[in-house]
Amino acid sequence: MTRIAFSRIRSGWPLALAAALLVPAFAVPPVAGAQELAAGDAVAGAKVFRKCQACHLVDVEKNKVGPHLVDIVGRPVAALEDYQYSTAMTEYAQTQPEWTEEALAAYLRKPRDVVPKTKMAFAGLKKDEDLANIIAYLKDPSAAE
């Protein structure tokens, strides 16, 4: 069957149609589920957080380039009054009112896919393990001490 499909593609099927048929196989992998997120390690998450610390603080309510992340899990999206969020992030808050573990995992995997035109320049975390670990750290930074 594969042979037939590829021979038809070569024999003149529009490339766009061929690409549309192949895209689902290469779609963005699903975000880690609740069970995987619950298994995160805060100590390992502190190491992953080093990628974030130039722009964010997790233990002090002080904004840097990005907003502080103290109590981010469960906090309303775009809710800090002393931080200037992008329009895209404030619009996202209308559809995702709270930073749940799942919402954070999706955002941290590919920020610009979740919030197009976000100010955050970070490309994202590829590994489910890194996502679970950083969320464990964000939930309780003192657990990494």
C-alpha atoms as a PDB file:
ATOM      1  CA  MET A   1       0.000   0.000   0.000  1.00  0.00           C
ATOM      2  CA  THR A   2       2.857   2.378   0.814  1.00  0.00           C
ATOM      3  CA  ARG A   3       4.376   1.643  -2.575  1.00  0.00           C
ATOM      4  CA  ILE A   4       1.175   2.692  -4.336  1.00  0.00           C
ATOM      5  CA  ALA A   5       0.896   5.921  -2.338  1.00  0.00           C
ATOM      6  CA  PHE A   6       4.466   6.933  -3.127  1.00  0.00           C
ATOM      7  CA  SER A   7       4.118   6.021  -6.799  1.00  0.00           C
ATOM      8  CA  ARG A   8       1.016   8.229  -7.018  1.00  0.00           C
ATOM      9  CA  ILE A   9       2.882  11.096  -5.372  1.00  0.00           C
ATOM     10  CA  ARG A  10       5.664  10.745  -7.930  1.00  0.00           C
ATOM     11  CA  SER A  11       3.192  10.544 -10.777  1.00  0.00           C
ATOM     12  CA  GLY A  12       1.805  14.024 -10.241  1.00  0.00           C
ATOM     13  CA  TRP A  13      -0.235  14.278  -7.053  1.00  0.00           C
ATOM     14  CA  PRO A  14       0.041  17.798  -5.747  1.00  0.00           C
ATOM     15  CA  LEU A  15       2.784  18.137  -3.193  1.00  0.00           C
ATOM     16  CA  ALA A  16       0.449  19.957  -0.805  1.00  0.00           C
ATOM     17  CA  LEU A  17      -1.866  16.963  -0.666  1.00  0.00           C
ATOM     18  CA  ALA A  18       1.052  14.624  -0.023  1.00  0.00           C
ATOM     19  CA  ALA A  19       2.312  16.906   2.747  1.00  0.00           C
ATOM     20  CA  ALA A  20      -1.150  17.083   4.305  1.00  0.00           C
ATOM     21  CA  LEU A  21      -1.275  13.306   4.453  1.00  0.00           C
ATOM     22  CA  LEU A  22       2.145  13.084   6.110  1.00  0.00           C
ATOM     23  CA  VAL A  23       1.874  15.978   8.606  1.00  0.00           C
ATOM     24  CA  PRO A  24      -0.217  14.117  11.234  1.00  0.00           C
ATOM     25  CA  ALA A  25       2.591  11.592  11.604  1.00  0.00           C
ATOM     26  CA  PHE A  26       5.035  14.382  12.462  1.00  0.00           C
ATOM     27  CA  ALA A  27       2.776  16.554  14.607  1.00  0.00           C
ATOM     28  CA  VAL A  28       4.019  18.038  17.875  1.00  0.00           C
ATOM     29  CA  PRO A  29       4.148  15.251  20.462  1.00  0.00           C
ATOM     30  CA  PRO A  30       1.475  15.391  23.149  1.00  0.00           C
ATOM     31  CA  VAL A  31       2.295  17.126  26.396  1.00  0.00           C
ATOM     32  CA  ALA A  32       3.106  14.930  29.355  1.00  0.00           C
ATOM     33  CA  GLY A  33      -0.012  13.797  31.175  1.00  0.00           C
ATOM     34  CA  ALA A  34      -0.868  14.396  34.814  1.00  0.00           C
ATOM     35  CA  GLN A  35       0.767  11.134  35.887  1.00  0.00           C
ATOM     36  CA  GLU A  36       4.079  12.006  34.219  1.00  0.00           C
ATOM     37  CA  LEU A  37       3.981  15.571  35.572  1.00  0.00           C
ATOM     38  CA  ALA A  38       3.371  14.282  39.102  1.00  0.00           C
ATOM     39  CA  ALA A  39       6.529  12.179  38.843  1.00  0.00           C
ATOM     40  CA  GLY A  40       8.778  15.219  38.433  1.00  0.00           C
ATOM     41  CA  ASP A  41      11.932  15.742  40.496  1.00  0.00           C
ATOM     42  CA  ALA A  42      12.409  19.255  41.918  1.00  0.00           C
ATOM     43  CA  VAL A  43      16.198  18.839  42.238  1.00  0.00           C
ATOM     44  CA  ALA A  44      16.475  17.966  38.552  1.00  0.00           C
ATOM     45  CA  GLY A  45      13.994  20.759  37.815  1.00  0.00           C
ATOM     46  CA  ALA A  46      16.290  23.290  39.478  1.00  0.00           C
ATOM     47  CA  LYS A  47      18.969  22.289  36.974  1.00  0.00           C
ATOM     48  CA  VAL A  48      16.548  22.694  34.066  1.00  0.00           C
ATOM     49  CA  PHE A  49      15.498  26.079  35.481  1.00  0.00           C
ATOM     50  CA  ARG A  50      19.019  27.391  34.859  1.00  0.00           C
ATOM     51  CA  LYS A  51      17.836  27.967  31.284  1.00  0.00           C
ATOM     52  CA  CYS A  52      15.183  30.329  32.672  1.00  0.00           C
ATOM     53  CA  GLN A  53      17.012  32.179  35.430  1.00  0.00           C
ATOM     54  CA  ALA A  54      18.378  34.947  33.213  1.00  0.00           C
ATOM     55  CA  CYS A  55      14.806  36.203  32.793  1.00  0.00           C
ATOM     56  CA  HIS A  56      12.822  34.775  35.747  1.00  0.00           C
ATOM     57  CA  LEU A  57      13.043  34.395  39.510  1.00  0.00           C
ATOM     58  CA  VAL A  58      11.262  31.569  41.262  1.00  0.00           C
ATOM     59  CA  ASP A  59      11.986  32.385  44.899  1.00  0.00           C
ATOM     60  CA  VAL A  60      11.620  36.201  45.056  1.00  0.00           C
ATOM     61  CA  GLU A  61       8.626  38.264  43.957  1.00  0.00           C
ATOM     62  CA  LYS A  62      10.725  40.487  41.697  1.00  0.00           C
ATOM     63  CA  ASN A  63      10.273  40.750  37.960  1.00  0.00           C
ATOM     64  CA  LYS A  64      13.207  40.662  35.579  1.00  0.00           C
ATOM     65  CA  VAL A  65      12.869  40.524  31.797  1.00  0.00           C
ATOM     66  CA  GLY A  66      10.015  38.099  32.478  1.00  0.00           C
ATOM     67  CA  PRO A  67       7.601  37.993  35.415  1.00  0.00           C
ATOM     68  CA  HIS A  68       8.564  36.278  38.652  1.00  0.00           C
ATOM     69  CA  LEU A  69       7.371  32.700  38.943  1.00  0.00           C
ATOM     70  CA  VAL A  70       6.659  32.533  42.672  1.00  0.00           C
ATOM     71  CA  ASP A  71       3.526  30.384  43.111  1.00  0.00           C
ATOM     72  CA  ILE A  72       3.065  30.175  39.325  1.00  0.00           C
ATOM     73  CA  VAL A  73       1.246  26.808  39.476  1.00  0.00           C
ATOM     74  CA  GLY A  74      -2.379  27.685  40.150  1.00  0.00           C
ATOM     75  CA  ARG A  75      -1.843  31.417  39.600  1.00  0.00           C
ATOM     76  CA  PRO A  76      -4.050  33.283  37.128  1.00  0.00           C
ATOM     77  CA  VAL A  77      -2.410  33.829  33.727  1.00  0.00           C
ATOM     78  CA  ALA A  78      -1.063  37.358  33.094  1.00  0.00           C
ATOM     79  CA  ALA A  79      -2.138  38.472  36.568  1.00  0.00           C
ATOM     80  CA  LEU A  80       0.837  40.328  38.042  1.00  0.00           C
ATOM     81  CA  GLU A  81      -0.073  43.995  38.185  1.00  0.00           C
ATOM     82  CA  ASP A  82       3.546  45.166  38.196  1.00  0.00           C
ATOM     83  CA  TYR A  83       4.519  43.348  34.988  1.00  0.00           C
ATOM     84  CA  GLN A  84       3.767  44.499  31.434  1.00  0.00           C
ATOM     85  CA  TYR A  85       2.492  41.375  29.639  1.00  0.00           C
ATOM     86  CA  SER A  86       2.275  41.157  25.862  1.00  0.00           C
ATOM     87  CA  THR A  87      -1.108  41.597  24.250  1.00  0.00           C
ATOM     88  CA  ALA A  88      -0.865  37.975  23.137  1.00  0.00           C
ATOM     89  CA  MET A  89      -0.456  36.771  26.731  1.00  0.00           C
ATOM     90  CA  THR A  90      -3.350  38.846  28.043  1.00  0.00           C
ATOM     91  CA  GLU A  91      -5.519  37.453  25.225  1.00  0.00           C
ATOM     92  CA  TYR A  92      -4.370  33.925  26.111  1.00  0.00           C
ATOM     93  CA  ALA A  93      -5.519  34.569  29.694  1.00  0.00           C
ATOM     94  CA  GLN A  94      -9.068  34.895  28.358  1.00  0.00           C
ATOM     95  CA  THR A  95      -9.023  31.278  27.157  1.00  0.00           C
ATOM     96  CA  GLN A  96      -6.664  29.822  29.796  1.00  0.00           C
ATOM     97  CA  PRO A  97      -7.402  31.674  33.038  1.00  0.00           C
ATOM     98  CA  GLU A  98      -5.032  29.656  35.274  1.00  0.00           C
ATOM     99  CA  TRP A  99      -1.523  28.208  35.047  1.00  0.00           C
ATOM    100  CA  THR A 100      -2.331  24.562  35.639  1.00  0.00           C
ATOM    101  CA  GLU A 101       0.450  21.989  35.433  1.00  0.00           C
ATOM    102  CA  GLU A 102      -0.863  20.911  32.035  1.00  0.00           C
ATOM    103  CA  ALA A 103      -1.068  24.495  30.743  1.00  0.00           C
ATOM    104  CA  LEU A 104       2.487  25.176  31.914  1.00  0.00           C
ATOM    105  CA  ALA A 105       3.730  21.962  30.308  1.00  0.00           C
ATOM    106  CA  ALA A 106       2.176  22.888  26.965  1.00  0.00           C
ATOM    107  CA  TYR A 107       3.531  26.445  27.142  1.00  0.00           C
ATOM    108  CA  LEU A 108       7.015  25.426  28.218  1.00  0.00           C
ATOM    109  CA  ARG A 109       7.206  22.795  25.471  1.00  0.00           C
ATOM    110  CA  LYS A 110       6.608  25.318  22.666  1.00  0.00           C
ATOM    111  CA  PRO A 111       5.755  28.823  23.932  1.00  0.00           C
ATOM    112  CA  ARG A 112       5.124  30.355  20.510  1.00  0.00           C
ATOM    113  CA  ASP A 113       2.782  27.528  19.496  1.00  0.00           C
ATOM    114  CA  VAL A 114       0.634  28.128  22.582  1.00  0.00           C
ATOM    115  CA  VAL A 115       0.868  31.943  22.661  1.00  0.00           C
ATOM    116  CA  PRO A 116       1.812  33.279  19.235  1.00  0.00           C
ATOM    117  CA  LYS A 117       3.600  36.641  19.488  1.00  0.00           C
ATOM    118  CA  THR A 118       4.558  36.071  23.131  1.00  0.00           C
ATOM    119  CA  LYS A 119       7.457  38.205  24.366  1.00  0.00           C
ATOM    120  CA  MET A 120       9.204  35.114  25.706  1.00  0.00           C
ATOM    121  CA  ALA A 121      12.110  34.260  23.400  1.00  0.00           C
ATOM    122  CA  PHE A 122      12.644  30.758  24.834  1.00  0.00           C
ATOM    123  CA  ALA A 123      12.291  28.003  22.202  1.00  0.00           C
ATOM    124  CA  GLY A 124      10.924  25.414  24.626  1.00  0.00           C
ATOM    125  CA  LEU A 125      11.744  22.153  26.390  1.00  0.00           C
ATOM    126  CA  LYS A 126      11.691  19.040  24.235  1.00  0.00           C
ATOM    127  CA  LYS A 127      11.852  16.287  26.860  1.00  0.00           C
ATOM    128  CA  ASP A 128       8.806  15.246  28.897  1.00  0.00           C
ATOM    129  CA  GLU A 129      11.182  14.523  31.770  1.00  0.00           C
ATOM    130  CA  ASP A 130      12.463  18.119  31.755  1.00  0.00           C
ATOM    131  CA  LEU A 131       8.887  19.417  31.726  1.00  0.00           C
ATOM    132  CA  ALA A 132       7.888  17.229  34.666  1.00  0.00           C
ATOM    133  CA  ASN A 133      11.016  18.203  36.595  1.00  0.00           C
ATOM    134  CA  ILE A 134      10.743  21.949  36.053  1.00  0.00           C
ATOM    135  CA  ILE A 135       7.075  21.905  37.044  1.00  0.00           C
ATOM    136  CA  ALA A 136       7.956  20.013  40.223  1.00  0.00           C
ATOM    137  CA  TYR A 137      10.536  22.722  40.923  1.00  0.00           C
ATOM    138  CA  LEU A 138       8.116  25.570  40.154  1.00  0.00           C
ATOM    139  CA  LYS A 139       5.532  24.028  42.501  1.00  0.00           C
ATOM    140  CA  ASP A 140       8.045  23.853  45.371  1.00  0.00           C
ATOM    141  CA  PRO A 141      11.482  25.416  44.817  1.00  0.00           C
ATOM    142  CA  SER A 142      12.455  24.673  48.428  1.00  0.00           C
ATOM    143  CA  ALA A 143      12.261  20.942  47.626  1.00  0.00           C
ATOM    144  CA  ALA A 144      15.429  21.369  45.557  1.00  0.00           C
ATOM    145  CA  GLU A 145      17.487  22.636  48.492  1.00  0.00           C
END
